[in-house]
């Protein structure tokens, strides 16, 4: 098992990262709109709900996207996969070795 992602897989991940980040943000913003416009609760409760939601998702976003490096790429790709941000077709672009390492990190031994 390699300690770092291969150069070819690194290039794939670097192209995929902004797409996955955008998917994550779209998903979170949809949730925010739902919480912010819930007329069944007061403004302060909606504000708190949005704040807690963003705080929770910020931790997930940080783990998947912050400071992406070749030495952390396997783990971060596994996090992106566990968040449902990488399609099967996109994941299939990676080498079998990378898919296997990511599967071990994510606990998904199907890959």
Protein backbone atom coordinates (compact mmCIF):
# COMPACT_ATOMS: atom_id res chain seq x y z
CA UNK A 1 0.00 0.00 0.00
CA UNK A 2 1.46 3.35 -1.00
CA UNK A 3 1.93 6.05 1.60
CA UNK A 4 0.81 8.75 -0.81
CA UNK A 5 -1.64 8.83 -3.66
CA UNK A 6 -0.09 8.35 -7.10
CA UNK A 7 0.50 11.37 -9.31
CA UNK A 8 -2.19 10.29 -11.78
CA UNK A 9 -4.78 9.81 -9.02
CA UNK A 10 -3.72 13.08 -7.40
CA UNK A 11 -4.52 14.90 -10.66
CA UNK A 12 -7.94 13.23 -10.77
CA UNK A 13 -8.63 14.22 -7.17
CA UNK A 14 -7.53 17.82 -7.75
CA UNK A 15 -10.05 18.09 -10.63
CA UNK A 16 -12.77 16.36 -8.62
CA UNK A 17 -12.30 18.31 -5.37
CA UNK A 18 -14.03 21.55 -6.46
CA UNK A 19 -16.95 19.56 -7.90
CA UNK A 20 -17.38 17.60 -4.66
CA UNK A 21 -17.04 20.80 -2.59
CA UNK A 22 -19.74 22.44 -4.69
CA UNK A 23 -22.05 19.46 -4.18
CA UNK A 24 -21.49 19.68 -0.45
CA UNK A 25 -22.24 23.41 -0.38
CA UNK A 26 -25.38 22.98 -2.51
CA UNK A 27 -26.66 20.33 -0.13
CA UNK A 28 -25.97 22.44 2.95
CA UNK A 29 -27.48 25.58 1.44
CA UNK A 30 -30.65 23.66 0.59
CA UNK A 31 -30.87 22.60 4.23
CA UNK A 32 -30.21 26.17 5.38
CA UNK A 33 -33.04 27.52 3.23
CA UNK A 34 -35.39 24.92 4.69
CA UNK A 35 -34.47 25.82 8.26
CA UNK A 36 -34.42 29.57 7.64
CA UNK A 37 -37.86 29.63 6.06
CA UNK A 38 -39.67 27.33 8.49
CA UNK A 39 -42.63 29.52 9.41
CA UNK A 40 -43.66 27.09 12.16
CA UNK A 41 -40.92 28.46 14.45
CA UNK A 42 -39.85 31.93 15.46
CA UNK A 43 -36.98 33.92 13.97
CA UNK A 44 -34.61 33.28 16.84
CA UNK A 45 -35.22 29.53 16.71
CA UNK A 46 -34.63 29.56 12.94
CA UNK A 47 -31.42 31.51 13.42
CA UNK A 48 -30.18 29.03 16.03
CA UNK A 49 -31.13 26.09 13.83
CA UNK A 50 -29.20 27.57 10.90
CA UNK A 51 -26.22 28.34 13.12
CA UNK A 52 -26.09 24.79 14.53
CA UNK A 53 -26.52 23.31 11.08
CA UNK A 54 -23.64 25.35 9.65
CA UNK A 55 -21.46 24.56 12.64
CA UNK A 56 -22.08 20.82 12.19
CA UNK A 57 -21.50 20.88 8.44
CA UNK A 58 -18.42 23.06 8.80
CA UNK A 59 -16.69 20.26 10.70
CA UNK A 60 -17.56 17.79 7.95
CA UNK A 61 -16.42 20.20 5.25
CA UNK A 62 -13.16 20.82 7.05
CA UNK A 63 -12.38 17.12 7.34
CA UNK A 64 -13.04 16.48 3.69
CA UNK A 65 -11.60 19.57 2.05
CA UNK A 66 -9.26 21.64 4.22
CA UNK A 67 -5.55 21.51 3.44
CA UNK A 68 -5.80 18.78 0.81
CA UNK A 69 -2.35 17.24 0.35
CA UNK A 70 -1.05 14.10 -1.27
CA UNK A 71 -0.23 12.72 2.17
CA UNK A 72 -3.87 13.12 3.31
CA UNK A 73 -5.58 12.48 -0.01
CA UNK A 74 -6.71 8.90 0.72
CA UNK A 75 -8.43 9.88 3.95
CA UNK A 76 -9.99 13.00 2.49
CA UNK A 77 -11.26 11.12 -0.56
CA UNK A 78 -12.76 8.54 1.82
CA UNK A 79 -14.51 11.37 3.68
CA UNK A 80 -15.84 12.80 0.41
CA UNK A 81 -17.15 9.35 -0.49
CA UNK A 82 -18.76 8.83 2.91
CA UNK A 83 -20.55 12.16 2.49
CA UNK A 84 -21.91 10.99 -0.88
CA UNK A 85 -20.02 13.66 -2.82
CA UNK A 86 -18.23 11.38 -5.30
CA UNK A 87 -20.26 9.34 -7.76
CA UNK A 88 -19.45 5.73 -8.58
CA UNK A 89 -18.40 6.81 -12.08
CA UNK A 90 -16.02 9.42 -10.66
CA UNK A 91 -14.60 6.97 -8.14
CA UNK A 92 -14.02 4.41 -10.91
CA UNK A 93 -11.53 6.82 -12.52
CA UNK A 94 -9.05 6.17 -9.72
CA UNK A 95 -6.57 3.31 -9.82
CA UNK A 96 -7.51 0.02 -8.19
CA UNK A 97 -4.91 0.69 -5.48
CA UNK A 98 -6.44 4.05 -4.57
CA UNK A 99 -9.95 2.61 -4.60
CA UNK A 100 -8.82 -0.17 -2.29
CA UNK A 101 -7.10 2.17 0.18
CA UNK A 102 -10.11 4.51 0.22
CA UNK A 103 -12.43 1.55 0.76
CA UNK A 104 -10.40 0.50 3.80
CA UNK A 105 -10.52 4.04 5.21
CA UNK A 106 -14.24 4.32 4.65
CA UNK A 107 -15.03 0.79 5.81
CA UNK A 108 -16.53 -0.02 2.40
CA UNK A 109 -14.80 -3.18 1.29
CA UNK A 110 -16.86 -3.47 -1.93
CA UNK A 111 -14.45 -1.30 -3.96
